[in-house]
Amino acid sequence: VGGDNRYRGNCSPKLIEDLIRFFKPTQICD
């Protein structure tokens, strides 16, 4: 769940969640 799956080419929010969980940043930029 996250973003819009109709927006072609976007990635799974699970990947970003895993990165946040592993590296534990206090803020993320995109």
PDB file of all heavy atoms in Angstrom:
ATOM      1  N   VAL A   1       0.842  -1.192   0.000  1.00  0.00           N
ATOM      2  CA  VAL A   1       0.000   0.000   0.000  1.00  0.00           C
ATOM      3  C   VAL A   1       0.877   1.242   0.000  1.00  0.00           C
ATOM      4  O   VAL A   1       1.764   1.393   0.841  1.00  0.00           O
ATOM      5  CB  VAL A   1      -0.925   0.007   1.234  1.00  0.00           C
ATOM      6  CG1 VAL A   1      -1.780   1.267   1.236  1.00  0.00           C
ATOM      7  CG2 VAL A   1      -1.803  -1.238   1.243  1.00  0.00           C
ATOM      8  N   GLY A   2       0.632   2.130  -0.963  1.00  0.00           N
ATOM      9  CA  GLY A   2       1.386   3.374  -1.045  1.00  0.00           C
ATOM     10  C   GLY A   2       1.595   3.782  -2.484  1.00  0.00           C
ATOM     11  O   GLY A   2       1.766   2.934  -3.369  1.00  0.00           O
ATOM     12  N   GLY A   3       1.572   5.085  -2.735  1.00  0.00           N
ATOM     13  CA  GLY A   3       1.703   5.551  -4.109  1.00  0.00           C
ATOM     14  C   GLY A   3       0.463   5.194  -4.908  1.00  0.00           C
ATOM     15  O   GLY A   3      -0.605   4.923  -4.373  1.00  0.00           O
ATOM     16  N   ASP A   4       0.611   5.153  -6.206  1.00  0.00           N
ATOM     17  CA  ASP A   4      -0.508   4.872  -7.106  1.00  0.00           C
ATOM     18  C   ASP A   4      -0.042   3.831  -8.105  1.00  0.00           C
ATOM     19  O   ASP A   4       0.836   4.106  -8.934  1.00  0.00           O
ATOM     20  CB  ASP A   4      -0.951   6.155  -7.822  1.00  0.00           C
ATOM     21  CG  ASP A   4      -2.189   5.964  -8.690  1.00  0.00           C
ATOM     22  OD1 ASP A   4      -2.589   4.801  -8.910  1.00  0.00           O
ATOM     23  OD2 ASP A   4      -2.735   6.972  -9.167  1.00  0.00           O
ATOM     24  N   ASN A   5      -0.608   2.639  -8.042  1.00  0.00           N
ATOM     25  CA  ASN A   5      -0.157   1.579  -8.945  1.00  0.00           C
ATOM     26  C   ASN A   5      -0.539   1.841 -10.393  1.00  0.00           C
ATOM     27  O   ASN A   5      -0.095   1.123 -11.296  1.00  0.00           O
ATOM     28  CB  ASN A   5      -0.686   0.215  -8.489  1.00  0.00           C
ATOM     29  CG  ASN A   5      -2.208   0.146  -8.454  1.00  0.00           C
ATOM     30  OD1 ASN A   5      -2.898   1.077  -8.899  1.00  0.00           O
ATOM     31  ND2 ASN A   5      -2.740  -0.937  -7.929  1.00  0.00           N
ATOM     32  N   ARG A   6      -1.342   2.877 -10.640  1.00  0.00           N
ATOM     33  CA  ARG A   6      -1.650   3.254 -12.028  1.00  0.00           C
ATOM     34  C   ARG A   6      -0.550   4.132 -12.620  1.00  0.00           C
ATOM     35  O   ARG A   6      -0.531   4.367 -13.826  1.00  0.00           O
ATOM     36  CB  ARG A   6      -2.991   4.002 -12.073  1.00  0.00           C
ATOM     37  CG  ARG A   6      -4.197   3.149 -11.682  1.00  0.00           C
ATOM     38  CD  ARG A   6      -5.433   4.003 -11.510  1.00  0.00           C
ATOM     39  NE  ARG A   6      -5.246   5.005 -10.463  1.00  0.00           N
ATOM     40  CZ  ARG A   6      -6.167   5.900 -10.128  1.00  0.00           C
ATOM     41  NH1 ARG A   6      -7.330   5.927 -10.768  1.00  0.00           N
ATOM     42  NH2 ARG A   6      -5.918   6.778  -9.167  1.00  0.00           N
ATOM     43  N   TYR A   7       0.314   4.635 -11.779  1.00  0.00           N
ATOM     44  CA  TYR A   7       1.436   5.458 -12.221  1.00  0.00           C
ATOM     45  C   TYR A   7       2.549   4.512 -12.670  1.00  0.00           C
ATOM     46  O   TYR A   7       3.233   3.896 -11.848  1.00  0.00           O
ATOM     47  CB  TYR A   7       1.921   6.346 -11.070  1.00  0.00           C
ATOM     48  CG  TYR A   7       2.724   7.544 -11.490  1.00  0.00           C
ATOM     49  CD1 TYR A   7       2.134   8.784 -11.680  1.00  0.00           C
ATOM     50  CD2 TYR A   7       4.102   7.436 -11.677  1.00  0.00           C
ATOM     51  CE1 TYR A   7       2.874   9.896 -12.056  1.00  0.00           C
ATOM     52  CE2 TYR A   7       4.851   8.544 -12.052  1.00  0.00           C
ATOM     53  CZ  TYR A   7       4.239   9.763 -12.238  1.00  0.00           C
ATOM     54  OH  TYR A   7       4.982  10.857 -12.605  1.00  0.00           O
ATOM     55  N   ARG A   8       2.696   4.374 -13.965  1.00  0.00           N
ATOM     56  CA  ARG A   8       3.558   3.320 -14.510  1.00  0.00           C
ATOM     57  C   ARG A   8       5.006   3.465 -14.059  1.00  0.00           C
ATOM     58  O   ARG A   8       5.554   4.567 -14.012  1.00  0.00           O
ATOM     59  CB  ARG A   8       3.503   3.330 -16.038  1.00  0.00           C
ATOM     60  CG  ARG A   8       2.175   2.850 -16.605  1.00  0.00           C
ATOM     61  CD  ARG A   8       2.294   2.674 -18.103  1.00  0.00           C
ATOM     62  NE  ARG A   8       3.293   1.670 -18.437  1.00  0.00           N
ATOM     63  CZ  ARG A   8       3.853   1.555 -19.647  1.00  0.00           C
ATOM     64  NH1 ARG A   8       3.539   2.412 -20.601  1.00  0.00           N
ATOM     65  NH2 ARG A   8       4.754   0.622 -19.872  1.00  0.00           N
ATOM     66  N   GLY A   9       5.607   2.324 -13.724  1.00  0.00           N
ATOM     67  CA  GLY A   9       7.028   2.296 -13.393  1.00  0.00           C
ATOM     68  C   GLY A   9       7.338   2.535 -11.934  1.00  0.00           C
ATOM     69  O   GLY A   9       8.500   2.437 -11.537  1.00  0.00           O
ATOM     70  N   ASN A  10       6.323   2.865 -11.114  1.00  0.00           N
ATOM     71  CA  ASN A  10       6.663   3.108  -9.714  1.00  0.00           C
ATOM     72  C   ASN A  10       6.937   1.795  -8.994  1.00  0.00           C
ATOM     73  O   ASN A  10       6.528   0.725  -9.421  1.00  0.00           O
ATOM     74  CB  ASN A  10       5.594   3.949  -9.005  1.00  0.00           C
ATOM     75  CG  ASN A  10       4.258   3.239  -8.891  1.00  0.00           C
ATOM     76  OD1 ASN A  10       4.105   2.092  -9.267  1.00  0.00           O
ATOM     77  ND2 ASN A  10       3.270   3.944  -8.363  1.00  0.00           N
ATOM     78  N   CYS A  11       7.661   1.874  -7.900  1.00  0.00           N
ATOM     79  CA  CYS A  11       8.124   0.652  -7.245  1.00  0.00           C
ATOM     80  C   CYS A  11       7.231   0.301  -6.061  1.00  0.00           C
ATOM     81  O   CYS A  11       6.381   1.098  -5.632  1.00  0.00           O
ATOM     82  CB  CYS A  11       9.575   0.800  -6.792  1.00  0.00           C
ATOM     83  SG  CYS A  11       9.794   1.833  -5.334  1.00  0.00           S
ATOM     84  N   SER A  12       7.471  -0.862  -5.511  1.00  0.00           N
ATOM     85  CA  SER A  12       6.718  -1.297  -4.342  1.00  0.00           C
ATOM     86  C   SER A  12       7.120  -0.478  -3.120  1.00  0.00           C
ATOM     87  O   SER A  12       8.308  -0.309  -2.843  1.00  0.00           O
ATOM     88  CB  SER A  12       6.996  -2.782  -4.075  1.00  0.00           C
ATOM     89  OG  SER A  12       6.522  -3.152  -2.792  1.00  0.00           O
ATOM     90  N   PRO A  13       6.146   0.031  -2.363  1.00  0.00           N
ATOM     91  CA  PRO A  13       6.496   0.730  -1.121  1.00  0.00           C
ATOM     92  C   PRO A  13       7.178  -0.184  -0.116  1.00  0.00           C
ATOM     93  O   PRO A  13       7.863   0.302   0.789  1.00  0.00           O
ATOM     94  CB  PRO A  13       5.137   1.221  -0.609  1.00  0.00           C
ATOM     95  CG  PRO A  13       4.118   0.368  -1.290  1.00  0.00           C
ATOM     96  CD  PRO A  13       4.703   0.006  -2.612  1.00  0.00           C
ATOM     97  N   LYS A  14       7.018  -1.489  -0.288  1.00  0.00           N
ATOM     98  CA  LYS A  14       7.664  -2.424   0.632  1.00  0.00           C
ATOM     99  C   LYS A  14       9.184  -2.317   0.570  1.00  0.00           C
ATOM    100  O   LYS A  14       9.867  -2.499   1.582  1.00  0.00           O
ATOM    101  CB  LYS A  14       7.231  -3.855   0.322  1.00  0.00           C
ATOM    102  CG  LYS A  14       5.759  -4.135   0.597  1.00  0.00           C
ATOM    103  CD  LYS A  14       5.426  -5.589   0.310  1.00  0.00           C
ATOM    104  CE  LYS A  14       3.958  -5.892   0.600  1.00  0.00           C
ATOM    105  NZ  LYS A  14       3.643  -7.312   0.337  1.00  0.00           N
ATOM    106  N   LEU A  15       9.723  -2.016  -0.618  1.00  0.00           N
ATOM    107  CA  LEU A  15      11.167  -1.844  -0.733  1.00  0.00           C
ATOM    108  C   LEU A  15      11.628  -0.659   0.109  1.00  0.00           C
ATOM    109  O   LEU A  15      12.617  -0.751   0.856  1.00  0.00           O
ATOM    110  CB  LEU A  15      11.556  -1.634  -2.197  1.00  0.00           C
ATOM    111  CG  LEU A  15      13.015  -1.228  -2.452  1.00  0.00           C
ATOM    112  CD1 LEU A  15      13.960  -2.342  -2.014  1.00  0.00           C
ATOM    113  CD2 LEU A  15      13.238  -0.868  -3.912  1.00  0.00           C
ATOM    114  N   ILE A  16      10.927   0.457   0.012  1.00  0.00           N
ATOM    115  CA  ILE A  16      11.315   1.655   0.756  1.00  0.00           C
ATOM    116  C   ILE A  16      11.125   1.436   2.254  1.00  0.00           C
ATOM    117  O   ILE A  16      11.949   1.860   3.070  1.00  0.00           O
ATOM    118  CB  ILE A  16      10.520   2.869   0.251  1.00  0.00           C
ATOM    119  CG1 ILE A  16      10.773   3.055  -1.254  1.00  0.00           C
ATOM    120  CG2 ILE A  16      10.914   4.130   1.007  1.00  0.00           C
ATOM    121  CD1 ILE A  16       9.867   4.044  -1.936  1.00  0.00           C
ATOM    122  N   GLU A  17      10.064   0.750   2.614  1.00  0.00           N
ATOM    123  CA  GLU A  17       9.859   0.414   4.024  1.00  0.00           C
ATOM    124  C   GLU A  17      11.003  -0.440   4.557  1.00  0.00           C
ATOM    125  O   GLU A  17      11.483  -0.231   5.682  1.00  0.00           O
ATOM    126  CB  GLU A  17       8.526  -0.311   4.189  1.00  0.00           C
ATOM    127  CG  GLU A  17       7.308   0.563   3.945  1.00  0.00           C
ATOM    128  CD  GLU A  17       6.021  -0.235   3.898  1.00  0.00           C
ATOM    129  OE1 GLU A  17       6.044  -1.435   4.256  1.00  0.00           O
ATOM    130  OE2 GLU A  17       4.987   0.328   3.493  1.00  0.00           O
ATOM    131  N   ASP A  18      11.464  -1.397   3.751  1.00  0.00           N
ATOM    132  CA  ASP A  18      12.579  -2.246   4.172  1.00  0.00           C
ATOM    133  C   ASP A  18      13.865  -1.443   4.342  1.00  0.00           C
ATOM    134  O   ASP A  18      14.649  -1.690   5.264  1.00  0.00           O
ATOM    135  CB  ASP A  18      12.798  -3.386   3.175  1.00  0.00           C
ATOM    136  CG  ASP A  18      11.781  -4.512   3.340  1.00  0.00           C
ATOM    137  OD1 ASP A  18      11.045  -4.496   4.351  1.00  0.00           O
ATOM    138  OD2 ASP A  18      11.723  -5.394   2.468  1.00  0.00           O
ATOM    139  N   LEU A  19      14.090  -0.486   3.433  1.00  0.00           N
ATOM    140  CA  LEU A  19      15.275   0.367   3.556  1.00  0.00           C
ATOM    141  C   LEU A  19      15.207   1.207   4.835  1.00  0.00           C
ATOM    142  O   LEU A  19      16.204   1.349   5.553  1.00  0.00           O
ATOM    143  CB  LEU A  19      15.389   1.283   2.334  1.00  0.00           C
ATOM    144  CG  LEU A  19      15.738   0.606   1.010  1.00  0.00           C
ATOM    145  CD1 LEU A  19      15.599   1.598  -0.149  1.00  0.00           C
ATOM    146  CD2 LEU A  19      17.147   0.035   1.035  1.00  0.00           C
ATOM    147  N   ILE A  20      14.045   1.754   5.119  1.00  0.00           N
ATOM    148  CA  ILE A  20      13.878   2.548   6.338  1.00  0.00           C
ATOM    149  C   ILE A  20      14.073   1.680   7.574  1.00  0.00           C
ATOM    150  O   ILE A  20      14.742   2.071   8.539  1.00  0.00           O
ATOM    151  CB  ILE A  20      12.493   3.223   6.340  1.00  0.00           C
ATOM    152  CG1 ILE A  20      12.395   4.254   5.205  1.00  0.00           C
ATOM    153  CG2 ILE A  20      12.211   3.878   7.700  1.00  0.00           C
ATOM    154  CD1 ILE A  20      10.996   4.790   4.985  1.00  0.00           C
ATOM    155  N   ARG A  21      13.505   0.502   7.542  1.00  0.00           N
ATOM    156  CA  ARG A  21      13.619  -0.408   8.683  1.00  0.00           C
ATOM    157  C   ARG A  21      15.071  -0.803   8.929  1.00  0.00           C
ATOM    158  O   ARG A  21      15.513  -0.904  10.081  1.00  0.00           O
ATOM    159  CB  ARG A  21      12.759  -1.645   8.430  1.00  0.00           C
ATOM    160  CG  ARG A  21      12.674  -2.610   9.596  1.00  0.00           C
ATOM    161  CD  ARG A  21      11.776  -3.780   9.271  1.00  0.00           C
ATOM    162  NE  ARG A  21      10.381  -3.355   9.123  1.00  0.00           N
ATOM    163  CZ  ARG A  21       9.706  -3.373   7.990  1.00  0.00           C
ATOM    164  NH1 ARG A  21      10.304  -3.774   6.870  1.00  0.00           N
ATOM    165  NH2 ARG A  21       8.466  -2.984   7.937  1.00  0.00           N
ATOM    166  N   PHE A  22      15.827  -1.018   7.850  1.00  0.00           N
ATOM    167  CA  PHE A  22      17.207  -1.498   7.992  1.00  0.00           C
ATOM    168  C   PHE A  22      18.167  -0.367   8.375  1.00  0.00           C
ATOM    169  O   PHE A  22      18.973  -0.510   9.294  1.00  0.00           O
ATOM    170  CB  PHE A  22      17.664  -2.159   6.689  1.00  0.00           C
ATOM    171  CG  PHE A  22      19.023  -2.794   6.782  1.00  0.00           C
ATOM    172  CD1 PHE A  22      19.152  -4.096   7.235  1.00  0.00           C
ATOM    173  CD2 PHE A  22      20.168  -2.114   6.400  1.00  0.00           C
ATOM    174  CE1 PHE A  22      20.402  -4.695   7.331  1.00  0.00           C
ATOM    175  CE2 PHE A  22      21.417  -2.690   6.496  1.00  0.00           C
ATOM    176  CZ  PHE A  22      21.535  -3.994   6.961  1.00  0.00           C
ATOM    177  N   PHE A  23      18.092   0.765   7.663  1.00  0.00           N
ATOM    178  CA  PHE A  23      19.057   1.840   7.888  1.00  0.00           C
ATOM    179  C   PHE A  23      18.621   2.836   8.967  1.00  0.00           C
ATOM    180  O   PHE A  23      19.444   3.611   9.455  1.00  0.00           O
ATOM    181  CB  PHE A  23      19.334   2.575   6.570  1.00  0.00           C
ATOM    182  CG  PHE A  23      20.094   1.735   5.573  1.00  0.00           C
ATOM    183  CD1 PHE A  23      19.462   1.204   4.463  1.00  0.00           C
ATOM    184  CD2 PHE A  23      21.439   1.471   5.763  1.00  0.00           C
ATOM    185  CE1 PHE A  23      20.164   0.418   3.551  1.00  0.00           C
ATOM    186  CE2 PHE A  23      22.158   0.694   4.852  1.00  0.00           C
ATOM    187  CZ  PHE A  23      21.518   0.167   3.743  1.00  0.00           C
ATOM    188  N   LYS A  24      17.326   2.836   9.286  1.00  0.00           N
ATOM    189  CA  LYS A  24      16.790   3.652  10.386  1.00  0.00           C
ATOM    190  C   LYS A  24      17.071   5.156  10.247  1.00  0.00           C
ATOM    191  O   LYS A  24      17.511   5.814  11.207  1.00  0.00           O
ATOM    192  CB  LYS A  24      17.320   3.146  11.734  1.00  0.00           C
ATOM    193  CG  LYS A  24      16.879   1.724  12.048  1.00  0.00           C
ATOM    194  CD  LYS A  24      17.435   1.256  13.378  1.00  0.00           C
ATOM    195  CE  LYS A  24      16.849  -0.089  13.781  1.00  0.00           C
ATOM    196  NZ  LYS A  24      17.021  -1.141  12.774  1.00  0.00           N
ATOM    197  N   PRO A  25      16.825   5.743   9.078  1.00  0.00           N
ATOM    198  CA  PRO A  25      16.962   7.202   8.975  1.00  0.00           C
ATOM    199  C   PRO A  25      15.804   7.891   9.706  1.00  0.00           C
ATOM    200  O   PRO A  25      14.725   7.306   9.877  1.00  0.00           O
ATOM    201  CB  PRO A  25      16.889   7.456   7.472  1.00  0.00           C
ATOM    202  CG  PRO A  25      16.009   6.345   6.961  1.00  0.00           C
ATOM    203  CD  PRO A  25      16.348   5.147   7.803  1.00  0.00           C
ATOM    204  N   THR A  26      16.032   9.119  10.113  1.00  0.00           N
ATOM    205  CA  THR A  26      14.946   9.888  10.731  1.00  0.00           C
ATOM    206  C   THR A  26      14.131  10.627   9.684  1.00  0.00           C
ATOM    207  O   THR A  26      13.031  11.097   9.970  1.00  0.00           O
ATOM    208  CB  THR A  26      15.510  10.906  11.744  1.00  0.00           C
ATOM    209  OG1 THR A  26      16.419  11.790  11.059  1.00  0.00           O
ATOM    210  CG2 THR A  26      16.259  10.189  12.861  1.00  0.00           C
ATOM    211  N   GLN A  27      14.698  10.723   8.469  1.00  0.00           N
ATOM    212  CA  GLN A  27      14.015  11.407   7.372  1.00  0.00           C
ATOM    213  C   GLN A  27      14.501  10.836   6.052  1.00  0.00           C
ATOM    214  O   GLN A  27      15.665  10.441   5.919  1.00  0.00           O
ATOM    215  CB  GLN A  27      14.288  12.909   7.426  1.00  0.00           C
ATOM    216  CG  GLN A  27      13.626  13.701   6.306  1.00  0.00           C
ATOM    217  CD  GLN A  27      13.878  15.184   6.442  1.00  0.00           C
ATOM    218  OE1 GLN A  27      13.188  15.867   7.179  1.00  0.00           O
ATOM    219  NE2 GLN A  27      14.876  15.697   5.740  1.00  0.00           N
ATOM    220  N   ILE A  28      13.633  10.785   5.064  1.00  0.00           N
ATOM    221  CA  ILE A  28      14.005  10.303   3.735  1.00  0.00           C
ATOM    222  C   ILE A  28      13.561  11.333   2.702  1.00  0.00           C
ATOM    223  O   ILE A  28      12.505  11.948   2.837  1.00  0.00           O
ATOM    224  CB  ILE A  28      13.373   8.912   3.453  1.00  0.00           C
ATOM    225  CG1 ILE A  28      13.901   8.338   2.127  1.00  0.00           C
ATOM    226  CG2 ILE A  28      11.849   8.971   3.462  1.00  0.00           C
ATOM    227  CD1 ILE A  28      13.521   6.864   1.910  1.00  0.00           C
ATOM    228  N   CYS A  29      14.410  11.542   1.691  1.00  0.00           N
ATOM    229  CA  CYS A  29      14.115  12.502   0.622  1.00  0.00           C
ATOM    230  C   CYS A  29      13.992  11.777  -0.708  1.00  0.00           C
ATOM    231  O   CYS A  29      14.675  10.774  -0.954  1.00  0.00           O
ATOM    232  CB  CYS A  29      15.216  13.556   0.524  1.00  0.00           C
ATOM    233  SG  CYS A  29      15.382  14.581   1.996  1.00  0.00           S
ATOM    234  N   ASP A  30      13.135  12.295  -1.575  1.00  0.00           N
ATOM    235  CA  ASP A  30      12.946  11.741  -2.915  1.00  0.00           C
ATOM    236  C   ASP A  30      12.680  12.906  -3.856  1.00  0.00           C
ATOM    237  O   ASP A  30      11.676  13.607  -3.715  1.00  0.00           O
ATOM    238  CB  ASP A  30      11.780  10.757  -2.919  1.00  0.00           C
ATOM    239  CG  ASP A  30      11.654   9.996  -4.232  1.00  0.00           C
ATOM    240  OD1 ASP A  30      12.158  10.492  -5.262  1.00  0.00           O
ATOM    241  OD2 ASP A  30      11.042   8.911  -4.244  1.00  0.00           O
TER     242      ASP A  30
END
